[in-house]
Amino acid sequence: MIFVGRDRLNVLKETALWLTRARTRIRVAGSSMKPTLHDGEFVLINPNKVPQPGDLAVFDHPKIGGLAVVKRVLAIEDSGAFTVRCDNPNEGSDSRTWGPLPSDSVHGVVTVVLDRPADSLLLDDEACSTD
């Protein structure tokens, strides 16, 4: 795999955590998080970390069951819900459309971005829309 703009030691640590199933690998689909994330890239997420403002995190889509979205956390409401935004707001929807996302919709926080590996490695990954 080719690592995209990240500290090599952190990438190696996070990859080792993925291999031991402590991280989940998600494939990015869509363009609403450009220039940070691109269609076809993979991210590793820490399912045990609570998102903080500025973090990229994966959430259940509030309108489409079974679809996950990756967004940037803008704020945490008093209720614990998350206000999220696209990095490319003309290409997707976010809390401006849906309102805040509930805390029980969080899958995890993005820890590292990986380039798209060979198609032979795509077998057991979930797709995560950015739209």
N, C-alpha and C. Protein backbone atom coordinates (compact mmCIF):
# COMPACT_ATOMS: atom_id res chain seq x y z
N MET A 1 0.84 -1.18 0.00
CA MET A 1 0.00 0.00 0.00
C MET A 1 0.88 1.24 0.00
N ILE A 2 0.41 2.26 -0.62
CA ILE A 2 1.10 3.53 -0.62
C ILE A 2 0.40 4.42 0.39
N PHE A 3 1.16 5.06 1.24
CA PHE A 3 0.59 5.88 2.28
C PHE A 3 0.52 7.33 1.82
N VAL A 4 -0.58 7.97 2.11
CA VAL A 4 -0.83 9.32 1.61
C VAL A 4 -0.56 10.34 2.69
N GLY A 5 0.53 11.08 2.55
CA GLY A 5 0.81 12.25 3.37
C GLY A 5 0.68 12.08 4.87
N ARG A 6 1.06 10.99 5.41
CA ARG A 6 0.93 10.75 6.85
C ARG A 6 2.28 10.32 7.42
N ASP A 7 2.43 10.53 8.71
CA ASP A 7 3.63 10.10 9.40
C ASP A 7 3.76 8.58 9.28
N ARG A 8 4.89 8.13 8.73
CA ARG A 8 5.09 6.71 8.44
C ARG A 8 4.98 5.82 9.68
N LEU A 9 5.51 6.26 10.80
CA LEU A 9 5.43 5.47 12.03
C LEU A 9 3.99 5.30 12.49
N ASN A 10 3.21 6.38 12.42
CA ASN A 10 1.80 6.30 12.79
C ASN A 10 1.04 5.37 11.85
N VAL A 11 1.35 5.44 10.56
CA VAL A 11 0.69 4.58 9.58
C VAL A 11 1.00 3.12 9.88
N LEU A 12 2.24 2.83 10.19
CA LEU A 12 2.62 1.44 10.52
C LEU A 12 1.90 0.97 11.78
N LYS A 13 1.82 1.82 12.79
CA LYS A 13 1.12 1.46 14.02
C LYS A 13 -0.36 1.21 13.75
N GLU A 14 -0.99 2.12 13.02
CA GLU A 14 -2.41 1.99 12.73
C GLU A 14 -2.69 0.75 11.86
N THR A 15 -1.80 0.47 10.90
CA THR A 15 -1.95 -0.72 10.07
C THR A 15 -1.84 -1.99 10.90
N ALA A 16 -0.91 -2.00 11.84
CA ALA A 16 -0.79 -3.15 12.74
C ALA A 16 -2.07 -3.31 13.57
N LEU A 17 -2.64 -2.20 14.02
CA LEU A 17 -3.90 -2.26 14.77
C LEU A 17 -5.04 -2.77 13.89
N TRP A 18 -5.02 -2.42 12.60
CA TRP A 18 -6.03 -2.94 11.69
C TRP A 18 -5.87 -4.45 11.52
N LEU A 19 -4.62 -4.90 11.39
CA LEU A 19 -4.36 -6.34 11.22
C LEU A 19 -4.81 -7.14 12.44
N THR A 20 -4.79 -6.51 13.61
CA THR A 20 -5.24 -7.19 14.83
C THR A 20 -6.72 -6.90 15.12
N ARG A 21 -7.40 -6.28 14.15
CA ARG A 21 -8.83 -5.98 14.23
C ARG A 21 -9.19 -4.91 15.24
N ALA A 22 -8.22 -4.10 15.65
CA ALA A 22 -8.50 -2.98 16.56
C ALA A 22 -8.89 -1.72 15.76
N ARG A 23 -8.75 -1.77 14.45
CA ARG A 23 -9.17 -0.69 13.57
C ARG A 23 -10.03 -1.32 12.47
N THR A 24 -10.88 -0.51 11.87
CA THR A 24 -11.72 -0.94 10.77
C THR A 24 -11.31 -0.17 9.53
N ARG A 25 -11.22 -0.87 8.40
CA ARG A 25 -10.86 -0.21 7.14
C ARG A 25 -12.14 0.05 6.35
N ILE A 26 -12.29 1.28 5.89
CA ILE A 26 -13.47 1.72 5.16
C ILE A 26 -13.03 2.35 3.84
N ARG A 27 -13.72 2.02 2.75
CA ARG A 27 -13.42 2.62 1.45
C ARG A 27 -14.27 3.87 1.27
N VAL A 28 -13.64 4.95 0.86
CA VAL A 28 -14.32 6.22 0.63
C VAL A 28 -14.98 6.19 -0.75
N ALA A 29 -16.22 6.66 -0.82
CA ALA A 29 -16.93 6.78 -2.09
C ALA A 29 -17.54 8.17 -2.16
N GLY A 30 -17.25 8.90 -3.23
CA GLY A 30 -17.82 10.23 -3.39
C GLY A 30 -16.76 11.31 -3.28
N SER A 31 -17.23 12.56 -3.43
CA SER A 31 -16.29 13.67 -3.49
C SER A 31 -16.56 14.78 -2.49
N SER A 32 -17.46 14.57 -1.54
CA SER A 32 -17.81 15.67 -0.63
C SER A 32 -16.71 15.99 0.37
N MET A 33 -15.71 15.14 0.51
CA MET A 33 -14.63 15.41 1.46
C MET A 33 -13.32 15.80 0.77
N LYS A 34 -13.37 16.07 -0.55
CA LYS A 34 -12.18 16.58 -1.23
C LYS A 34 -11.86 17.97 -0.69
N PRO A 35 -10.65 18.36 -0.55
CA PRO A 35 -9.44 17.68 -1.00
C PRO A 35 -8.85 16.72 0.04
N THR A 36 -9.50 16.57 1.20
CA THR A 36 -8.95 15.72 2.25
C THR A 36 -9.02 14.24 1.89
N LEU A 37 -10.17 13.79 1.41
CA LEU A 37 -10.37 12.39 1.03
C LEU A 37 -10.86 12.33 -0.41
N HIS A 38 -10.43 11.27 -1.11
CA HIS A 38 -10.81 11.10 -2.51
C HIS A 38 -11.50 9.76 -2.71
N ASP A 39 -12.36 9.72 -3.70
CA ASP A 39 -13.08 8.51 -4.06
C ASP A 39 -12.10 7.36 -4.27
N GLY A 40 -12.34 6.24 -3.64
CA GLY A 40 -11.49 5.06 -3.79
C GLY A 40 -10.41 4.91 -2.73
N GLU A 41 -10.12 5.96 -1.99
CA GLU A 41 -9.14 5.85 -0.90
C GLU A 41 -9.73 5.03 0.24
N PHE A 42 -8.86 4.57 1.11
CA PHE A 42 -9.28 3.86 2.30
C PHE A 42 -8.90 4.66 3.53
N VAL A 43 -9.71 4.56 4.56
CA VAL A 43 -9.38 5.14 5.85
C VAL A 43 -9.45 4.03 6.90
N LEU A 44 -8.64 4.17 7.92
CA LEU A 44 -8.75 3.31 9.09
C LEU A 44 -9.45 4.11 10.16
N ILE A 45 -10.38 3.47 10.87
CA ILE A 45 -11.09 4.18 11.93
C ILE A 45 -10.89 3.46 13.26
N ASN A 46 -10.84 4.28 14.31
CA ASN A 46 -10.78 3.79 15.68
C ASN A 46 -12.21 3.82 16.21
N PRO A 47 -12.82 2.64 16.39
CA PRO A 47 -14.21 2.60 16.84
C PRO A 47 -14.38 2.96 18.31
N ASN A 48 -13.30 3.08 19.04
CA ASN A 48 -13.38 3.36 20.48
C ASN A 48 -13.12 4.81 20.84
N LYS A 49 -12.82 5.64 19.85
CA LYS A 49 -12.52 7.04 20.12
C LYS A 49 -13.75 7.90 19.88
N VAL A 50 -14.03 8.79 20.80
CA VAL A 50 -15.14 9.73 20.66
C VAL A 50 -14.67 10.90 19.82
N PRO A 51 -15.41 11.22 18.74
CA PRO A 51 -14.98 12.33 17.88
C PRO A 51 -14.97 13.66 18.62
N GLN A 52 -14.01 14.49 18.25
CA GLN A 52 -13.88 15.85 18.78
C GLN A 52 -13.97 16.82 17.60
N PRO A 53 -14.30 18.09 17.85
CA PRO A 53 -14.34 19.06 16.75
C PRO A 53 -13.02 19.05 15.98
N GLY A 54 -13.14 19.02 14.66
CA GLY A 54 -11.98 18.96 13.77
C GLY A 54 -11.67 17.56 13.29
N ASP A 55 -12.12 16.53 14.01
CA ASP A 55 -11.87 15.14 13.61
C ASP A 55 -12.70 14.77 12.40
N LEU A 56 -12.15 13.85 11.59
CA LEU A 56 -12.95 13.17 10.58
C LEU A 56 -13.52 11.93 11.26
N ALA A 57 -14.80 11.70 11.09
CA ALA A 57 -15.44 10.57 11.75
C ALA A 57 -16.44 9.93 10.80
N VAL A 58 -16.75 8.67 11.06
CA VAL A 58 -17.71 7.92 10.26
C VAL A 58 -18.99 7.76 11.08
N PHE A 59 -20.12 8.06 10.42
CA PHE A 59 -21.44 8.02 11.05
C PHE A 59 -22.40 7.24 10.18
N ASP A 60 -23.48 6.74 10.78
CA ASP A 60 -24.60 6.20 10.01
C ASP A 60 -25.25 7.37 9.28
N HIS A 61 -25.61 7.14 8.02
CA HIS A 61 -26.35 8.16 7.28
C HIS A 61 -27.72 8.30 7.93
N PRO A 62 -28.17 9.52 8.23
CA PRO A 62 -29.43 9.69 8.95
C PRO A 62 -30.68 9.39 8.12
N LYS A 63 -30.55 9.32 6.81
CA LYS A 63 -31.72 9.12 5.95
C LYS A 63 -31.69 7.81 5.18
N ILE A 64 -30.51 7.20 5.04
CA ILE A 64 -30.36 5.98 4.25
C ILE A 64 -29.81 4.86 5.14
N GLY A 65 -30.66 3.94 5.53
CA GLY A 65 -30.23 2.83 6.38
C GLY A 65 -29.15 1.99 5.74
N GLY A 66 -28.17 1.58 6.52
CA GLY A 66 -27.09 0.74 6.04
C GLY A 66 -25.96 1.48 5.34
N LEU A 67 -26.08 2.79 5.20
CA LEU A 67 -25.03 3.59 4.56
C LEU A 67 -24.29 4.39 5.61
N ALA A 68 -22.97 4.37 5.53
CA ALA A 68 -22.14 5.16 6.44
C ALA A 68 -21.57 6.34 5.67
N VAL A 69 -21.32 7.44 6.37
CA VAL A 69 -20.74 8.64 5.76
C VAL A 69 -19.55 9.09 6.60
N VAL A 70 -18.57 9.65 5.93
CA VAL A 70 -17.44 10.25 6.64
C VAL A 70 -17.56 11.76 6.51
N LYS A 71 -17.48 12.44 7.65
CA LYS A 71 -17.63 13.90 7.71
C LYS A 71 -16.68 14.46 8.75
N ARG A 72 -16.48 15.78 8.68
CA ARG A 72 -15.67 16.48 9.67
C ARG A 72 -16.59 16.96 10.79
N VAL A 73 -16.20 16.70 12.04
CA VAL A 73 -16.98 17.15 13.18
C VAL A 73 -16.76 18.63 13.37
N LEU A 74 -17.83 19.39 13.34
CA LEU A 74 -17.76 20.83 13.52
C LEU A 74 -17.96 21.19 14.99
N ALA A 75 -18.94 20.54 15.64
CA ALA A 75 -19.25 20.85 17.04
C ALA A 75 -19.96 19.67 17.68
N ILE A 76 -19.91 19.66 19.00
CA ILE A 76 -20.68 18.67 19.78
C ILE A 76 -21.73 19.45 20.56
N GLU A 77 -22.97 19.08 20.34
CA GLU A 77 -24.09 19.76 21.00
C GLU A 77 -24.16 19.36 22.47
N ASP A 78 -24.89 20.13 23.26
CA ASP A 78 -25.09 19.79 24.68
C ASP A 78 -25.73 18.42 24.84
N SER A 79 -26.54 18.01 23.87
CA SER A 79 -27.21 16.70 23.92
C SER A 79 -26.25 15.55 23.60
N GLY A 80 -25.04 15.87 23.13
CA GLY A 80 -24.08 14.85 22.72
C GLY A 80 -24.13 14.57 21.24
N ALA A 81 -25.06 15.19 20.51
CA ALA A 81 -25.14 15.02 19.06
C ALA A 81 -24.01 15.79 18.38
N PHE A 82 -23.68 15.39 17.15
CA PHE A 82 -22.56 15.96 16.42
C PHE A 82 -23.05 16.79 15.23
N THR A 83 -22.55 18.01 15.14
CA THR A 83 -22.75 18.83 13.95
C THR A 83 -21.57 18.54 13.04
N VAL A 84 -21.86 18.09 11.80
CA VAL A 84 -20.81 17.67 10.88
C VAL A 84 -20.89 18.47 9.59
N ARG A 85 -19.76 18.58 8.90
CA ARG A 85 -19.69 19.32 7.64
C ARG A 85 -18.86 18.54 6.62
N CYS A 86 -19.15 18.80 5.36
CA CYS A 86 -18.34 18.32 4.23
C CYS A 86 -17.14 19.25 4.09
N ASP A 87 -16.01 18.74 3.63
CA ASP A 87 -14.90 19.62 3.27
C ASP A 87 -15.16 20.26 1.91
N ASN A 88 -16.03 19.66 1.12
CA ASN A 88 -16.40 20.15 -0.20
C ASN A 88 -17.93 20.29 -0.21
N PRO A 89 -18.47 21.32 0.44
CA PRO A 89 -19.92 21.39 0.69
C PRO A 89 -20.80 21.45 -0.55
N ASN A 90 -20.26 21.80 -1.71
CA ASN A 90 -21.07 21.81 -2.93
C ASN A 90 -21.31 20.41 -3.48
N GLU A 91 -20.63 19.41 -2.93
CA GLU A 91 -20.71 18.04 -3.45
C GLU A 91 -21.39 17.05 -2.52
N GLY A 92 -21.96 17.50 -1.42
CA GLY A 92 -22.57 16.52 -0.53
C GLY A 92 -23.49 17.16 0.49
N SER A 93 -24.06 16.32 1.31
CA SER A 93 -24.95 16.80 2.37
C SER A 93 -24.30 16.57 3.73
N ASP A 94 -24.78 17.32 4.71
CA ASP A 94 -24.23 17.24 6.06
C ASP A 94 -25.26 17.79 7.04
N SER A 95 -24.84 18.28 8.18
CA SER A 95 -25.78 18.77 9.19
C SER A 95 -26.60 19.97 8.72
N ARG A 96 -26.15 20.65 7.69
CA ARG A 96 -26.96 21.73 7.13
C ARG A 96 -28.27 21.18 6.57
N THR A 97 -28.23 19.94 6.10
CA THR A 97 -29.40 19.27 5.55
C THR A 97 -30.11 18.43 6.60
N TRP A 98 -29.33 17.64 7.35
CA TRP A 98 -29.88 16.64 8.26
C TRP A 98 -30.09 17.12 9.68
N GLY A 99 -29.36 18.16 10.08
CA GLY A 99 -29.30 18.52 11.49
C GLY A 99 -28.19 17.71 12.16
N PRO A 100 -28.03 17.86 13.47
CA PRO A 100 -26.98 17.12 14.18
C PRO A 100 -27.21 15.61 14.13
N LEU A 101 -26.12 14.86 14.13
CA LEU A 101 -26.20 13.39 14.12
C LEU A 101 -26.08 12.87 15.55
N PRO A 102 -26.93 11.90 15.91
CA PRO A 102 -26.90 11.40 17.29
C PRO A 102 -25.61 10.64 17.61
N SER A 103 -25.26 10.64 18.87
CA SER A 103 -24.00 10.00 19.30
C SER A 103 -24.01 8.50 19.03
N ASP A 104 -25.18 7.87 18.99
CA ASP A 104 -25.21 6.43 18.74
C ASP A 104 -25.04 6.08 17.26
N SER A 105 -24.86 7.10 16.41
CA SER A 105 -24.63 6.84 14.99
C SER A 105 -23.14 6.82 14.62
N VAL A 106 -22.27 7.03 15.60
CA VAL A 106 -20.82 7.09 15.35
C VAL A 106 -20.25 5.68 15.17
N HIS A 107 -19.49 5.50 14.08
CA HIS A 107 -18.74 4.25 13.86
C HIS A 107 -17.33 4.36 14.41
N GLY A 108 -16.75 5.56 14.34
CA GLY A 108 -15.39 5.76 14.82
C GLY A 108 -14.75 6.98 14.20
N VAL A 109 -13.53 7.25 14.65
CA VAL A 109 -12.75 8.40 14.21
C VAL A 109 -11.68 7.93 13.23
N VAL A 110 -11.51 8.66 12.14
CA VAL A 110 -10.48 8.34 11.15
C VAL A 110 -9.12 8.56 11.78
N THR A 111 -8.26 7.54 11.68
CA THR A 111 -6.91 7.63 12.24
C THR A 111 -5.84 7.77 11.17
N VAL A 112 -6.12 7.26 9.97
CA VAL A 112 -5.13 7.32 8.90
C VAL A 112 -5.85 7.16 7.56
N VAL A 113 -5.27 7.78 6.53
CA VAL A 113 -5.78 7.68 5.17
C VAL A 113 -4.78 6.86 4.36
N LEU A 114 -5.27 5.84 3.65
CA LEU A 114 -4.43 5.00 2.82
C LEU A 114 -4.83 5.18 1.37
N ASP A 115 -3.88 5.02 0.47
CA ASP A 115 -4.18 5.01 -0.95
C ASP A 115 -5.01 3.77 -1.27
N ARG A 116 -5.65 3.78 -2.42
CA ARG A 116 -6.43 2.63 -2.87
C ARG A 116 -5.49 1.46 -3.18
N PRO A 117 -5.68 0.34 -2.51
CA PRO A 117 -4.83 -0.83 -2.81
C PRO A 117 -5.32 -1.54 -4.06
N ALA A 118 -4.59 -2.56 -4.45
CA ALA A 118 -4.97 -3.36 -5.61
C ALA A 118 -6.36 -3.95 -5.40
N ASP A 119 -7.12 -4.12 -6.47
CA ASP A 119 -8.49 -4.63 -6.38
C ASP A 119 -8.57 -5.98 -5.68
N SER A 120 -7.51 -6.76 -5.72
CA SER A 120 -7.53 -8.07 -5.07
C SER A 120 -7.63 -7.94 -3.55
N LEU A 121 -7.37 -6.75 -3.01
CA LEU A 121 -7.45 -6.55 -1.56
C LEU A 121 -8.78 -5.95 -1.13
N LEU A 122 -9.74 -5.81 -2.03
CA LEU A 122 -10.98 -5.12 -1.74
C LEU A 122 -12.05 -6.01 -1.10
N LEU A 123 -11.77 -7.24 -0.86
CA LEU A 123 -12.82 -8.19 -0.53
C LEU A 123 -13.63 -7.88 0.72
N ASP A 124 -13.11 -7.70 1.87
CA ASP A 124 -13.92 -7.61 3.07
C ASP A 124 -14.09 -6.20 3.60
N ASP A 125 -14.13 -5.20 2.75
CA ASP A 125 -14.23 -3.82 3.19
C ASP A 125 -15.62 -3.30 3.04
N GLU A 126 -15.98 -2.38 3.93
CA GLU A 126 -17.24 -1.66 3.83
C GLU A 126 -16.99 -0.41 3.01
N ALA A 127 -17.99 0.00 2.26
CA ALA A 127 -17.89 1.28 1.55
C ALA A 127 -18.50 2.35 2.42
N CYS A 128 -17.92 3.51 2.38
CA CYS A 128 -18.38 4.64 3.19
C CYS A 128 -18.53 5.83 2.27
N SER A 129 -19.74 6.32 2.13
CA SER A 129 -19.98 7.45 1.24
C SER A 129 -19.54 8.74 1.90
N THR A 130 -19.08 9.67 1.10
CA THR A 130 -18.81 11.01 1.61
C THR A 130 -19.95 11.94 1.28
N ASP A 131 -20.92 11.48 0.47
CA ASP A 131 -22.02 12.35 0.04
C ASP A 131 -23.16 12.41 1.02
